[in-house]
N, C-alpha and C. Protein backbone atom coordinates (compact mmCIF):
# COMPACT_ATOMS: atom_id res chain seq x y z
N MET A 1 160.26 176.57 -187.00
CA MET A 1 160.50 177.56 -188.05
C MET A 1 161.39 176.93 -189.11
N ARG A 2 160.98 176.90 -190.29
CA ARG A 2 161.70 176.26 -191.38
C ARG A 2 162.60 177.27 -192.08
N THR A 3 163.88 176.79 -192.36
CA THR A 3 164.84 177.66 -193.05
C THR A 3 164.91 177.26 -194.52
N LYS A 4 165.13 178.25 -195.33
CA LYS A 4 165.27 177.97 -196.76
C LYS A 4 166.66 177.39 -197.06
N GLN A 5 166.69 176.34 -197.89
CA GLN A 5 167.95 175.74 -198.32
C GLN A 5 168.23 176.16 -199.75
N HIS A 6 169.41 176.72 -199.94
CA HIS A 6 169.80 177.20 -201.27
C HIS A 6 170.79 176.22 -201.90
N GLY A 7 170.68 175.92 -203.18
CA GLY A 7 171.65 175.10 -203.92
C GLY A 7 172.83 175.94 -204.35
N ILE A 8 173.72 175.30 -205.09
CA ILE A 8 174.91 176.01 -205.58
C ILE A 8 174.49 176.93 -206.71
N GLY A 9 174.93 178.18 -206.57
CA GLY A 9 174.59 179.16 -207.60
C GLY A 9 175.49 179.02 -208.81
N LEU A 10 175.13 179.71 -209.86
CA LEU A 10 175.90 179.65 -211.11
C LEU A 10 177.31 180.18 -210.92
N ILE A 11 177.43 181.24 -210.15
CA ILE A 11 178.76 181.82 -209.93
C ILE A 11 179.66 180.86 -209.18
N GLU A 12 179.13 180.24 -208.11
CA GLU A 12 179.92 179.28 -207.35
C GLU A 12 180.34 178.10 -208.23
N LEU A 13 179.42 177.65 -209.07
CA LEU A 13 179.71 176.53 -209.95
C LEU A 13 180.83 176.87 -210.94
N MET A 14 180.78 178.08 -211.50
CA MET A 14 181.80 178.49 -212.45
C MET A 14 183.16 178.62 -211.77
N VAL A 15 183.16 179.14 -210.54
CA VAL A 15 184.42 179.25 -209.80
C VAL A 15 185.01 177.87 -209.53
N ALA A 16 184.15 176.94 -209.10
CA ALA A 16 184.62 175.58 -208.82
C ALA A 16 185.17 174.92 -210.08
N MET A 17 184.48 175.13 -211.21
CA MET A 17 184.95 174.54 -212.46
C MET A 17 186.28 175.14 -212.90
N THR A 18 186.42 176.45 -212.69
CA THR A 18 187.68 177.12 -213.06
C THR A 18 188.84 176.59 -212.23
N ILE A 19 188.61 176.44 -210.91
CA ILE A 19 189.66 175.91 -210.03
C ILE A 19 190.02 174.48 -210.43
N SER A 20 189.00 173.68 -210.73
CA SER A 20 189.24 172.29 -211.15
C SER A 20 190.03 172.24 -212.45
N LEU A 21 189.71 173.15 -213.37
CA LEU A 21 190.41 173.18 -214.65
C LEU A 21 191.88 173.49 -214.45
N PHE A 22 192.17 174.47 -213.61
CA PHE A 22 193.57 174.82 -213.34
C PHE A 22 194.30 173.67 -212.67
N LEU A 23 193.61 172.96 -211.77
CA LEU A 23 194.23 171.81 -211.11
C LEU A 23 194.55 170.71 -212.12
N MET A 24 193.62 170.47 -213.04
CA MET A 24 193.85 169.45 -214.06
C MET A 24 195.00 169.83 -214.99
N ILE A 25 195.07 171.12 -215.35
CA ILE A 25 196.17 171.58 -216.19
C ILE A 25 197.50 171.40 -215.47
N GLY A 26 197.53 171.74 -214.17
CA GLY A 26 198.75 171.59 -213.39
C GLY A 26 199.19 170.13 -213.29
N LEU A 27 198.21 169.24 -213.01
CA LEU A 27 198.54 167.83 -212.92
C LEU A 27 199.01 167.27 -214.26
N GLY A 28 198.35 167.71 -215.35
CA GLY A 28 198.75 167.26 -216.68
C GLY A 28 200.15 167.72 -217.03
N SER A 29 200.46 168.98 -216.69
CA SER A 29 201.80 169.50 -216.97
C SER A 29 202.86 168.75 -216.18
N ALA A 30 202.54 168.46 -214.90
CA ALA A 30 203.49 167.72 -214.07
C ALA A 30 203.72 166.31 -214.62
N TYR A 31 202.63 165.65 -215.04
CA TYR A 31 202.76 164.30 -215.61
C TYR A 31 203.57 164.34 -216.91
N PHE A 32 203.28 165.31 -217.76
CA PHE A 32 203.99 165.42 -219.04
C PHE A 32 205.48 165.67 -218.80
N GLY A 33 205.79 166.55 -217.84
CA GLY A 33 207.19 166.83 -217.53
C GLY A 33 207.92 165.61 -217.00
N MET A 34 207.25 164.85 -216.11
CA MET A 34 207.86 163.64 -215.56
C MET A 34 208.08 162.60 -216.67
N ARG A 35 207.12 162.50 -217.57
CA ARG A 35 207.23 161.53 -218.67
C ARG A 35 208.38 161.91 -219.61
N GLN A 36 208.49 163.22 -219.91
CA GLN A 36 209.58 163.67 -220.78
C GLN A 36 210.93 163.44 -220.14
N ASN A 37 211.03 163.69 -218.82
CA ASN A 37 212.29 163.46 -218.12
C ASN A 37 212.66 161.98 -218.15
N SER A 38 211.65 161.12 -217.98
CA SER A 38 211.90 159.68 -218.00
C SER A 38 212.39 159.24 -219.38
N ILE A 39 211.76 159.76 -220.44
CA ILE A 39 212.17 159.41 -221.80
C ILE A 39 213.59 159.92 -222.08
N SER A 40 213.88 161.13 -221.60
CA SER A 40 215.21 161.71 -221.81
C SER A 40 216.28 160.89 -221.10
N ARG A 41 216.01 160.50 -219.85
CA ARG A 41 216.97 159.69 -219.10
C ARG A 41 217.20 158.34 -219.77
N SER A 42 216.11 157.74 -220.25
CA SER A 42 216.23 156.46 -220.94
C SER A 42 217.05 156.60 -222.23
N GLY A 43 216.79 157.68 -222.98
CA GLY A 43 217.53 157.91 -224.22
C GLY A 43 219.01 158.15 -223.98
N LEU A 44 219.33 158.94 -222.95
CA LEU A 44 220.73 159.22 -222.64
C LEU A 44 221.44 157.97 -222.13
N SER A 45 220.74 157.15 -221.36
CA SER A 45 221.33 155.90 -220.89
C SER A 45 221.63 154.96 -222.05
N GLN A 46 220.69 154.88 -223.01
CA GLN A 46 220.92 154.06 -224.19
C GLN A 46 222.08 154.61 -225.03
N LEU A 47 222.18 155.94 -225.13
CA LEU A 47 223.27 156.55 -225.87
C LEU A 47 224.61 156.18 -225.25
N GLN A 48 224.72 156.24 -223.95
CA GLN A 48 225.97 155.89 -223.27
C GLN A 48 226.34 154.44 -223.51
N ASP A 49 225.33 153.56 -223.51
CA ASP A 49 225.60 152.14 -223.79
C ASP A 49 226.12 151.97 -225.22
N GLN A 50 225.51 152.68 -226.15
CA GLN A 50 225.94 152.60 -227.54
C GLN A 50 227.37 153.11 -227.70
N GLN A 51 227.69 154.22 -227.03
CA GLN A 51 229.03 154.77 -227.11
C GLN A 51 230.07 153.79 -226.57
N ARG A 52 229.79 153.22 -225.40
CA ARG A 52 230.74 152.27 -224.79
C ARG A 52 230.93 151.04 -225.68
N THR A 53 229.82 150.50 -226.16
CA THR A 53 229.90 149.29 -226.97
C THR A 53 230.67 149.53 -228.26
N ALA A 54 230.35 150.62 -228.95
CA ALA A 54 231.00 150.91 -230.23
C ALA A 54 232.50 151.09 -230.06
N MET A 55 232.91 151.90 -229.09
CA MET A 55 234.33 152.16 -228.91
C MET A 55 235.09 150.95 -228.37
N THR A 56 234.42 150.11 -227.58
CA THR A 56 235.07 148.90 -227.10
C THR A 56 235.38 147.97 -228.26
N LEU A 57 234.42 147.83 -229.19
CA LEU A 57 234.63 146.96 -230.35
C LEU A 57 235.72 147.51 -231.27
N ILE A 58 235.67 148.82 -231.53
CA ILE A 58 236.67 149.43 -232.41
C ILE A 58 238.05 149.39 -231.76
N ALA A 59 238.12 149.71 -230.47
CA ALA A 59 239.41 149.72 -229.78
C ALA A 59 240.05 148.34 -229.78
N GLY A 60 239.23 147.30 -229.59
CA GLY A 60 239.78 145.95 -229.61
C GLY A 60 240.43 145.60 -230.92
N ALA A 61 239.82 146.06 -232.03
CA ALA A 61 240.38 145.78 -233.35
C ALA A 61 241.65 146.59 -233.61
N VAL A 62 241.60 147.90 -233.29
CA VAL A 62 242.75 148.76 -233.57
C VAL A 62 243.95 148.36 -232.71
N GLN A 63 243.71 147.99 -231.46
CA GLN A 63 244.81 147.64 -230.56
C GLN A 63 245.55 146.39 -231.00
N GLN A 64 244.88 145.49 -231.73
CA GLN A 64 245.57 144.29 -232.19
C GLN A 64 245.98 144.37 -233.66
N ALA A 65 245.76 145.53 -234.29
CA ALA A 65 246.19 145.71 -235.68
C ALA A 65 247.70 145.55 -235.79
N GLY A 66 248.14 144.72 -236.70
CA GLY A 66 249.56 144.47 -236.89
C GLY A 66 250.10 143.30 -236.09
N PHE A 67 249.24 142.66 -235.28
CA PHE A 67 249.71 141.53 -234.47
C PHE A 67 249.82 140.27 -235.32
N PHE A 68 250.89 139.51 -235.11
CA PHE A 68 251.01 138.15 -235.66
C PHE A 68 251.84 137.33 -234.68
N PRO A 69 251.56 136.04 -234.54
CA PRO A 69 252.13 135.25 -233.44
C PRO A 69 253.52 134.67 -233.69
N THR A 70 254.12 134.90 -234.84
CA THR A 70 255.42 134.27 -235.14
C THR A 70 256.46 135.31 -235.56
N PRO A 71 256.81 136.25 -234.69
CA PRO A 71 257.73 137.32 -235.07
C PRO A 71 259.17 136.85 -235.31
N LEU A 72 259.53 135.68 -234.83
CA LEU A 72 260.90 135.19 -235.03
C LEU A 72 261.11 134.62 -236.43
N THR A 73 260.03 134.20 -237.05
CA THR A 73 260.15 133.58 -238.37
C THR A 73 259.46 134.38 -239.47
N ASN A 74 258.74 135.44 -239.09
CA ASN A 74 258.03 136.25 -240.07
C ASN A 74 258.23 137.73 -239.80
N THR A 75 257.91 138.53 -240.78
CA THR A 75 257.91 139.98 -240.64
C THR A 75 256.56 140.52 -241.09
N ASN A 76 256.33 141.81 -240.86
CA ASN A 76 255.09 142.42 -241.30
C ASN A 76 254.87 142.21 -242.79
N ALA A 77 255.92 142.35 -243.57
CA ALA A 77 255.80 142.26 -245.02
C ALA A 77 255.47 140.85 -245.49
N THR A 78 255.96 139.82 -244.78
CA THR A 78 255.68 138.45 -245.20
C THR A 78 254.31 137.97 -244.73
N VAL A 79 253.80 138.57 -243.68
CA VAL A 79 252.50 138.17 -243.14
C VAL A 79 251.36 138.98 -243.76
N PHE A 80 251.55 140.31 -243.82
CA PHE A 80 250.50 141.19 -244.34
C PHE A 80 250.81 141.55 -245.79
N LEU A 81 250.17 140.84 -246.70
CA LEU A 81 250.48 140.96 -248.12
C LEU A 81 249.75 142.12 -248.77
N ALA A 82 250.29 142.58 -249.88
CA ALA A 82 249.67 143.68 -250.62
C ALA A 82 248.38 143.26 -251.31
N SER A 83 248.16 141.95 -251.43
CA SER A 83 246.98 141.44 -252.14
C SER A 83 245.76 141.27 -251.25
N GLN A 84 245.88 141.61 -249.97
CA GLN A 84 244.75 141.46 -249.04
C GLN A 84 243.88 142.72 -249.09
N SER A 85 242.86 142.70 -249.93
CA SER A 85 241.98 143.86 -250.11
C SER A 85 241.34 144.24 -248.77
N PRO A 86 241.24 145.56 -248.50
CA PRO A 86 241.49 146.73 -249.35
C PRO A 86 242.93 147.26 -249.27
N PHE A 87 243.84 146.47 -248.69
CA PHE A 87 245.24 146.89 -248.57
C PHE A 87 245.94 146.73 -249.92
N THR A 88 246.81 147.66 -250.20
CA THR A 88 247.58 147.63 -251.45
C THR A 88 249.07 147.68 -251.21
N VAL A 89 249.48 147.83 -249.95
CA VAL A 89 250.90 147.91 -249.60
C VAL A 89 251.21 146.82 -248.58
N ALA A 90 252.24 146.02 -248.85
CA ALA A 90 252.62 144.95 -247.94
C ALA A 90 253.14 145.52 -246.61
N GLY A 91 252.80 144.82 -245.53
CA GLY A 91 253.34 145.17 -244.22
C GLY A 91 252.54 146.19 -243.45
N THR A 92 251.57 146.88 -244.07
CA THR A 92 250.82 147.91 -243.37
C THR A 92 249.63 147.28 -242.64
N PRO A 93 249.47 147.60 -241.35
CA PRO A 93 248.39 146.99 -240.58
C PRO A 93 247.07 147.76 -240.63
N VAL A 94 247.08 148.98 -241.14
CA VAL A 94 245.88 149.80 -241.16
C VAL A 94 245.84 150.62 -242.45
N THR A 95 244.64 150.85 -242.94
CA THR A 95 244.44 151.73 -244.08
C THR A 95 243.04 152.33 -243.97
N GLY A 96 242.76 153.34 -244.76
CA GLY A 96 241.45 153.97 -244.64
C GLY A 96 241.11 154.85 -245.82
N THR A 97 239.83 155.26 -245.83
CA THR A 97 239.32 156.20 -246.81
C THR A 97 238.59 157.30 -246.06
N ALA A 98 237.88 158.15 -246.79
CA ALA A 98 237.14 159.23 -246.15
C ALA A 98 235.98 158.71 -245.31
N SER A 99 235.48 157.50 -245.59
CA SER A 99 234.29 157.00 -244.92
C SER A 99 234.48 155.67 -244.20
N SER A 100 235.67 155.09 -244.23
CA SER A 100 235.89 153.80 -243.58
C SER A 100 237.36 153.62 -243.24
N PHE A 101 237.64 152.63 -242.40
CA PHE A 101 239.03 152.26 -242.15
C PHE A 101 239.10 150.76 -241.92
N SER A 102 240.27 150.19 -242.22
CA SER A 102 240.46 148.74 -242.11
C SER A 102 241.71 148.43 -241.30
N VAL A 103 241.65 147.35 -240.54
CA VAL A 103 242.80 146.86 -239.79
C VAL A 103 242.97 145.38 -240.11
N ARG A 104 244.18 144.89 -239.95
CA ARG A 104 244.40 143.46 -240.15
C ARG A 104 245.36 142.93 -239.09
N TYR A 105 245.17 141.66 -238.77
CA TYR A 105 245.94 141.01 -237.73
C TYR A 105 245.85 139.50 -237.95
N VAL A 106 246.73 138.76 -237.29
CA VAL A 106 246.76 137.31 -237.40
C VAL A 106 246.52 136.71 -236.03
N THR A 107 245.67 135.70 -235.98
CA THR A 107 245.39 135.03 -234.71
C THR A 107 246.09 133.68 -234.66
N ALA A 108 246.36 133.24 -233.43
CA ALA A 108 246.98 131.93 -233.22
C ALA A 108 245.91 130.91 -232.84
N ALA A 109 246.19 129.64 -233.05
CA ALA A 109 245.20 128.60 -232.76
C ALA A 109 244.88 128.52 -231.28
N ALA A 110 245.88 128.76 -230.44
CA ALA A 110 245.68 128.57 -229.00
C ALA A 110 245.29 129.84 -228.26
N ALA A 111 245.23 130.95 -228.95
CA ALA A 111 244.95 132.22 -228.26
C ALA A 111 243.89 133.01 -229.05
N PRO A 112 242.61 132.71 -228.84
CA PRO A 112 241.54 133.42 -229.57
C PRO A 112 241.57 134.92 -229.28
N LEU A 113 241.32 135.72 -230.31
CA LEU A 113 241.26 137.17 -230.18
C LEU A 113 239.86 137.65 -230.57
N PRO A 114 239.41 138.78 -230.03
CA PRO A 114 238.10 139.30 -230.40
C PRO A 114 238.07 139.76 -231.85
N THR A 115 236.99 139.42 -232.53
CA THR A 115 236.80 139.82 -233.92
C THR A 115 235.41 140.42 -234.07
N CYS A 116 235.06 140.82 -235.30
CA CYS A 116 233.72 141.36 -235.55
C CYS A 116 232.63 140.39 -235.14
N ALA A 117 232.86 139.11 -235.43
CA ALA A 117 231.82 138.10 -235.21
C ALA A 117 231.90 137.42 -233.85
N GLY A 118 232.86 137.82 -233.02
CA GLY A 118 233.00 137.20 -231.70
C GLY A 118 234.46 136.95 -231.39
N LEU A 119 234.83 135.67 -231.27
CA LEU A 119 236.22 135.29 -231.02
C LEU A 119 236.75 134.49 -232.21
N SER A 120 238.04 134.65 -232.47
CA SER A 120 238.65 133.90 -233.56
C SER A 120 238.72 132.43 -233.19
N SER A 121 238.72 131.59 -234.21
CA SER A 121 238.85 130.15 -233.99
C SER A 121 239.92 129.62 -234.93
N GLY A 122 241.05 129.27 -234.34
CA GLY A 122 242.16 128.77 -235.14
C GLY A 122 243.03 129.89 -235.68
N ALA A 123 244.14 129.51 -236.25
CA ALA A 123 245.07 130.49 -236.82
C ALA A 123 244.52 131.01 -238.13
N ALA A 124 244.46 132.33 -238.28
CA ALA A 124 243.91 132.93 -239.51
C ALA A 124 244.33 134.38 -239.58
N THR A 125 244.26 134.92 -240.79
CA THR A 125 244.50 136.34 -241.03
C THR A 125 243.17 137.04 -241.19
N TYR A 126 242.94 138.06 -240.36
CA TYR A 126 241.68 138.79 -240.35
C TYR A 126 241.87 140.20 -240.91
N VAL A 127 240.90 140.63 -241.70
CA VAL A 127 240.83 142.02 -242.15
C VAL A 127 239.44 142.54 -241.78
N ASP A 128 239.40 143.53 -240.90
CA ASP A 128 238.14 144.11 -240.43
C ASP A 128 238.00 145.53 -240.97
N THR A 129 236.91 145.80 -241.66
CA THR A 129 236.66 147.13 -242.22
C THR A 129 235.43 147.73 -241.54
N TYR A 130 235.63 148.89 -240.92
CA TYR A 130 234.57 149.57 -240.18
C TYR A 130 234.02 150.74 -241.00
N SER A 131 232.71 150.87 -241.01
CA SER A 131 232.06 151.96 -241.73
C SER A 131 230.68 152.19 -241.13
N VAL A 132 230.06 153.29 -241.53
CA VAL A 132 228.68 153.60 -241.11
C VAL A 132 227.78 153.43 -242.32
N SER A 133 226.63 152.81 -242.11
CA SER A 133 225.72 152.52 -243.21
C SER A 133 225.32 153.80 -243.94
N THR A 134 225.08 153.67 -245.21
CA THR A 134 224.68 154.80 -246.04
C THR A 134 223.23 154.69 -246.49
N ASP A 135 222.48 153.74 -245.93
CA ASP A 135 221.09 153.54 -246.33
C ASP A 135 220.09 154.20 -245.39
N GLY A 136 220.60 155.02 -244.46
CA GLY A 136 219.72 155.71 -243.53
C GLY A 136 219.42 154.94 -242.25
N SER A 137 219.98 153.73 -242.10
CA SER A 137 219.72 152.94 -240.89
C SER A 137 220.59 153.36 -239.71
N ASN A 138 221.62 154.19 -239.97
CA ASN A 138 222.47 154.74 -238.91
C ASN A 138 223.08 153.64 -238.04
N THR A 139 223.76 152.70 -238.66
CA THR A 139 224.41 151.62 -237.92
C THR A 139 225.91 151.61 -238.22
N LEU A 140 226.67 151.25 -237.19
CA LEU A 140 228.11 151.02 -237.35
C LEU A 140 228.29 149.58 -237.77
N ASN A 141 228.96 149.36 -238.89
CA ASN A 141 229.12 148.03 -239.45
C ASN A 141 230.57 147.61 -239.49
N CYS A 142 230.77 146.30 -239.52
CA CYS A 142 232.11 145.74 -239.68
C CYS A 142 232.05 144.60 -240.70
N ALA A 143 232.78 144.76 -241.79
CA ALA A 143 232.89 143.70 -242.79
C ALA A 143 234.20 142.96 -242.54
N GLU A 144 234.10 141.67 -242.31
CA GLU A 144 235.28 140.89 -241.91
C GLU A 144 235.66 139.88 -242.97
N THR A 145 236.95 139.86 -243.30
CA THR A 145 237.50 138.87 -244.24
C THR A 145 238.45 137.96 -243.47
N VAL A 146 238.27 136.66 -243.62
CA VAL A 146 239.09 135.68 -242.91
C VAL A 146 239.83 134.84 -243.95
N ASN A 147 241.16 134.94 -243.92
CA ASN A 147 242.00 134.22 -244.90
C ASN A 147 241.54 134.47 -246.34
N GLY A 148 241.17 135.71 -246.61
CA GLY A 148 240.78 136.10 -247.96
C GLY A 148 239.33 135.82 -248.32
N VAL A 149 238.58 135.16 -247.43
CA VAL A 149 237.18 134.84 -247.69
C VAL A 149 236.30 135.84 -246.94
N ALA A 150 235.52 136.60 -247.69
CA ALA A 150 234.69 137.63 -247.07
C ALA A 150 233.52 137.00 -246.33
N ALA A 151 233.29 137.46 -245.11
CA ALA A 151 232.16 137.00 -244.32
C ALA A 151 231.03 138.03 -244.39
N THR A 152 229.91 137.70 -243.79
CA THR A 152 228.77 138.61 -243.78
C THR A 152 229.09 139.85 -242.97
N THR A 153 228.67 141.00 -243.47
CA THR A 153 228.88 142.25 -242.73
C THR A 153 228.06 142.24 -241.44
N GLN A 154 228.70 142.59 -240.34
CA GLN A 154 228.05 142.60 -239.04
C GLN A 154 227.58 144.02 -238.70
N SER A 155 226.33 144.15 -238.28
CA SER A 155 225.82 145.43 -237.75
C SER A 155 226.11 145.45 -236.26
N LEU A 156 226.96 146.37 -235.82
CA LEU A 156 227.45 146.36 -234.45
C LEU A 156 226.61 147.20 -233.50
N VAL A 157 226.39 148.47 -233.86
CA VAL A 157 225.71 149.40 -232.97
C VAL A 157 224.83 150.33 -233.80
N GLY A 158 223.65 150.63 -233.29
CA GLY A 158 222.76 151.57 -233.97
C GLY A 158 222.92 152.98 -233.45
N GLY A 159 222.25 153.91 -234.10
CA GLY A 159 222.26 155.30 -233.65
C GLY A 159 223.48 156.09 -234.04
N VAL A 160 224.30 155.58 -234.98
CA VAL A 160 225.52 156.27 -235.40
C VAL A 160 225.25 156.97 -236.72
N ALA A 161 225.31 158.29 -236.70
CA ALA A 161 225.01 159.07 -237.91
C ALA A 161 226.19 159.12 -238.87
N SER A 162 227.41 159.22 -238.34
CA SER A 162 228.58 159.31 -239.20
C SER A 162 229.83 159.00 -238.39
N MET A 163 230.95 158.86 -239.10
CA MET A 163 232.22 158.54 -238.46
C MET A 163 233.34 159.30 -239.16
N GLN A 164 234.27 159.83 -238.38
CA GLN A 164 235.48 160.43 -238.91
C GLN A 164 236.69 159.79 -238.23
N VAL A 165 237.73 159.56 -239.00
CA VAL A 165 238.94 158.94 -238.46
C VAL A 165 240.16 159.76 -238.89
N LEU A 166 240.99 160.09 -237.92
CA LEU A 166 242.29 160.69 -238.19
C LEU A 166 243.36 159.69 -237.77
N PHE A 167 244.44 159.65 -238.51
CA PHE A 167 245.49 158.66 -238.26
C PHE A 167 246.74 159.35 -237.72
N GLY A 168 247.21 158.83 -236.59
CA GLY A 168 248.43 159.37 -235.99
C GLY A 168 249.66 158.84 -236.71
N VAL A 169 250.39 159.73 -237.37
CA VAL A 169 251.51 159.34 -238.22
C VAL A 169 252.83 159.77 -237.58
N ASP A 170 253.81 158.89 -237.63
CA ASP A 170 255.15 159.17 -237.11
C ASP A 170 255.93 159.97 -238.16
N THR A 171 255.56 161.22 -238.32
CA THR A 171 256.17 162.04 -239.37
C THR A 171 257.56 162.56 -239.00
N ASP A 172 257.93 162.48 -237.71
CA ASP A 172 259.27 162.97 -237.33
C ASP A 172 260.24 161.84 -237.05
N GLY A 173 259.81 160.59 -237.28
CA GLY A 173 260.71 159.45 -237.16
C GLY A 173 261.12 159.08 -235.75
N LYS A 174 260.30 159.43 -234.75
CA LYS A 174 260.66 159.13 -233.36
C LYS A 174 259.91 157.93 -232.80
N GLY A 175 259.13 157.26 -233.63
CA GLY A 175 258.50 156.03 -233.20
C GLY A 175 257.12 156.17 -232.60
N SER A 176 256.59 157.39 -232.56
CA SER A 176 255.25 157.59 -232.01
C SER A 176 254.49 158.59 -232.89
N ALA A 177 253.18 158.65 -232.69
CA ALA A 177 252.36 159.54 -233.50
C ALA A 177 252.73 160.99 -233.23
N TYR A 178 253.08 161.69 -234.28
CA TYR A 178 253.48 163.10 -234.16
C TYR A 178 252.42 164.02 -234.75
N GLN A 179 251.74 163.56 -235.77
CA GLN A 179 250.75 164.40 -236.46
C GLN A 179 249.56 163.53 -236.85
N TYR A 180 248.35 164.09 -236.64
CA TYR A 180 247.13 163.36 -237.02
C TYR A 180 246.63 163.88 -238.37
N GLN A 181 246.41 162.93 -239.27
CA GLN A 181 246.05 163.28 -240.63
C GLN A 181 244.82 162.50 -241.08
N ALA A 182 244.06 163.10 -242.01
CA ALA A 182 242.97 162.38 -242.67
C ALA A 182 243.56 161.32 -243.59
N ALA A 183 242.76 160.34 -243.97
CA ALA A 183 243.24 159.25 -244.81
C ALA A 183 243.84 159.76 -246.11
N SER A 184 243.23 160.79 -246.68
CA SER A 184 243.71 161.31 -247.96
C SER A 184 245.08 161.95 -247.86
N ALA A 185 245.51 162.32 -246.63
CA ALA A 185 246.80 162.99 -246.45
C ALA A 185 247.91 162.03 -246.05
N VAL A 186 247.56 160.79 -245.72
CA VAL A 186 248.58 159.83 -245.29
C VAL A 186 249.35 159.33 -246.52
N LEU A 187 250.64 159.56 -246.53
CA LEU A 187 251.49 159.16 -247.66
C LEU A 187 252.13 157.79 -247.45
N ASP A 188 252.39 157.43 -246.19
CA ASP A 188 253.04 156.15 -245.90
C ASP A 188 252.29 155.50 -244.74
N TRP A 189 251.46 154.50 -245.07
CA TRP A 189 250.63 153.86 -244.04
C TRP A 189 251.44 153.05 -243.04
N SER A 190 252.65 152.72 -243.38
CA SER A 190 253.49 151.98 -242.43
C SER A 190 253.92 152.86 -241.26
N LEU A 191 253.76 154.18 -241.39
CA LEU A 191 254.14 155.10 -240.32
C LEU A 191 252.98 155.42 -239.37
N VAL A 192 251.81 154.84 -239.63
CA VAL A 192 250.65 155.10 -238.77
C VAL A 192 250.82 154.35 -237.45
N LYS A 193 250.68 155.07 -236.34
CA LYS A 193 250.87 154.51 -235.01
C LYS A 193 249.58 154.46 -234.19
N SER A 194 248.58 155.23 -234.60
CA SER A 194 247.34 155.28 -233.83
C SER A 194 246.20 155.76 -234.72
N ALA A 195 244.99 155.65 -234.20
CA ALA A 195 243.80 156.14 -234.90
C ALA A 195 242.94 156.92 -233.93
N GLN A 196 242.50 158.09 -234.36
CA GLN A 196 241.59 158.91 -233.56
C GLN A 196 240.21 158.81 -234.19
N VAL A 197 239.34 158.05 -233.54
CA VAL A 197 238.03 157.73 -234.10
C VAL A 197 236.96 158.60 -233.44
N THR A 198 236.15 159.27 -234.27
CA THR A 198 235.03 160.06 -233.78
C THR A 198 233.74 159.49 -234.36
N LEU A 199 232.85 159.07 -233.48
CA LEU A 199 231.53 158.60 -233.88
C LEU A 199 230.51 159.65 -233.50
N ASN A 200 229.70 160.06 -234.46
CA ASN A 200 228.65 161.04 -234.21
C ASN A 200 227.32 160.31 -234.02
N PHE A 201 226.85 160.30 -232.78
CA PHE A 201 225.63 159.58 -232.43
C PHE A 201 224.42 160.50 -232.52
N ASN A 202 223.29 159.93 -232.92
CA ASN A 202 222.04 160.69 -232.91
C ASN A 202 221.70 161.10 -231.49
N ASN A 203 221.40 162.38 -231.30
CA ASN A 203 221.09 162.92 -229.98
C ASN A 203 219.64 162.60 -229.61
N PRO A 204 219.40 161.83 -228.55
CA PRO A 204 218.02 161.52 -228.16
C PRO A 204 217.24 162.75 -227.71
N LEU A 205 217.93 163.85 -227.41
CA LEU A 205 217.26 165.08 -226.99
C LEU A 205 217.13 166.07 -228.14
N ASN A 206 217.43 165.63 -229.35
CA ASN A 206 217.31 166.50 -230.51
C ASN A 206 215.89 167.03 -230.64
N GLY A 207 215.76 168.32 -230.90
CA GLY A 207 214.44 168.96 -230.96
C GLY A 207 214.15 169.82 -229.77
N GLN A 208 214.83 169.55 -228.65
CA GLN A 208 214.69 170.41 -227.47
C GLN A 208 215.58 171.63 -227.64
N PRO A 209 215.23 172.73 -226.99
CA PRO A 209 216.01 173.97 -227.16
C PRO A 209 217.49 173.78 -226.83
N GLY A 210 218.34 174.23 -227.75
CA GLY A 210 219.78 174.18 -227.52
C GLY A 210 220.43 172.84 -227.74
N GLN A 211 219.67 171.84 -228.18
CA GLN A 211 220.24 170.51 -228.37
C GLN A 211 220.62 170.28 -229.83
N PRO A 212 221.86 169.80 -230.09
CA PRO A 212 222.29 169.53 -231.47
C PRO A 212 221.70 168.23 -231.99
N ALA A 213 221.79 168.01 -233.28
CA ALA A 213 221.25 166.79 -233.88
C ALA A 213 222.08 165.56 -233.53
N THR A 214 223.39 165.74 -233.38
CA THR A 214 224.27 164.62 -233.07
C THR A 214 225.23 164.98 -231.94
N ILE A 215 225.74 163.95 -231.28
CA ILE A 215 226.71 164.11 -230.20
C ILE A 215 227.98 163.34 -230.56
N PRO A 216 229.13 164.01 -230.68
CA PRO A 216 230.37 163.31 -231.04
C PRO A 216 230.98 162.58 -229.85
N PHE A 217 231.58 161.46 -230.12
CA PHE A 217 232.29 160.68 -229.10
C PHE A 217 233.62 160.26 -229.70
N THR A 218 234.72 160.71 -229.12
CA THR A 218 236.05 160.53 -229.71
C THR A 218 236.95 159.71 -228.80
N ARG A 219 237.74 158.85 -229.41
CA ARG A 219 238.75 158.10 -228.65
C ARG A 219 239.98 157.91 -229.52
N THR A 220 241.14 158.09 -228.91
CA THR A 220 242.41 157.87 -229.60
C THR A 220 242.96 156.50 -229.17
N ILE A 221 243.24 155.65 -230.16
CA ILE A 221 243.61 154.26 -229.90
C ILE A 221 244.94 153.96 -230.57
N GLY A 222 245.85 153.39 -229.82
CA GLY A 222 247.16 153.05 -230.36
C GLY A 222 247.19 151.67 -230.99
N LEU A 223 247.86 151.54 -232.14
CA LEU A 223 248.07 150.24 -232.75
C LEU A 223 248.97 149.41 -231.83
N MET A 224 248.64 148.14 -231.66
CA MET A 224 249.37 147.25 -230.74
C MET A 224 249.38 147.86 -229.33
N ASN A 225 248.34 148.66 -229.06
CA ASN A 225 248.11 149.25 -227.73
C ASN A 225 249.25 150.17 -227.29
N THR A 226 249.93 150.81 -228.24
CA THR A 226 250.98 151.77 -227.91
C THR A 226 250.75 153.05 -228.68
N LEU A 227 250.85 154.19 -228.01
CA LEU A 227 250.69 155.49 -228.66
C LEU A 227 252.06 156.11 -228.95
């Protein structure tokens, strides 16, 4: 006795296709989510590296601002001259504007110090000016002058949208930073004891719900490593 064999009906086929479609959508969503998480983790990891690198470079410069190797035979005023642009007052190790700040220090021949371009070589007077590019490249830059000769501006770190600096001023005469002021409010740069630097980095998660365009990273750094 022969039995009839039936193929897949239209209804069964449509059900199977619907189930397959939902499975494909689920797999696609899972893959997309995993890919987005991977991109986000990579972006945040890169951001942290940029933050560490930028602040390490800036801190190294600010901490040695005002240093010179011959304190027994020289003073701040005899070493740091008023003619060392952008400085206009003798003896001051730091100065700034609304968009940049500069530090100066002297290196010894036998003790290399970190500079914008690497390590110092020989005894020299350095002036390092830090700023953020204004051409849309979002880079932290350092223009370095060595013994009055300007060197090429160094691009240090990318992803920096802007920078703000407040200067810790010894306004009460006790030898330490008492009040933090913007550059325009500083009346006597010789009283500056520290710098509070804020770098606003581009947020790699910008565009996602609740995420800002930039992430601020702030560090307070003492001149000659003292607050």
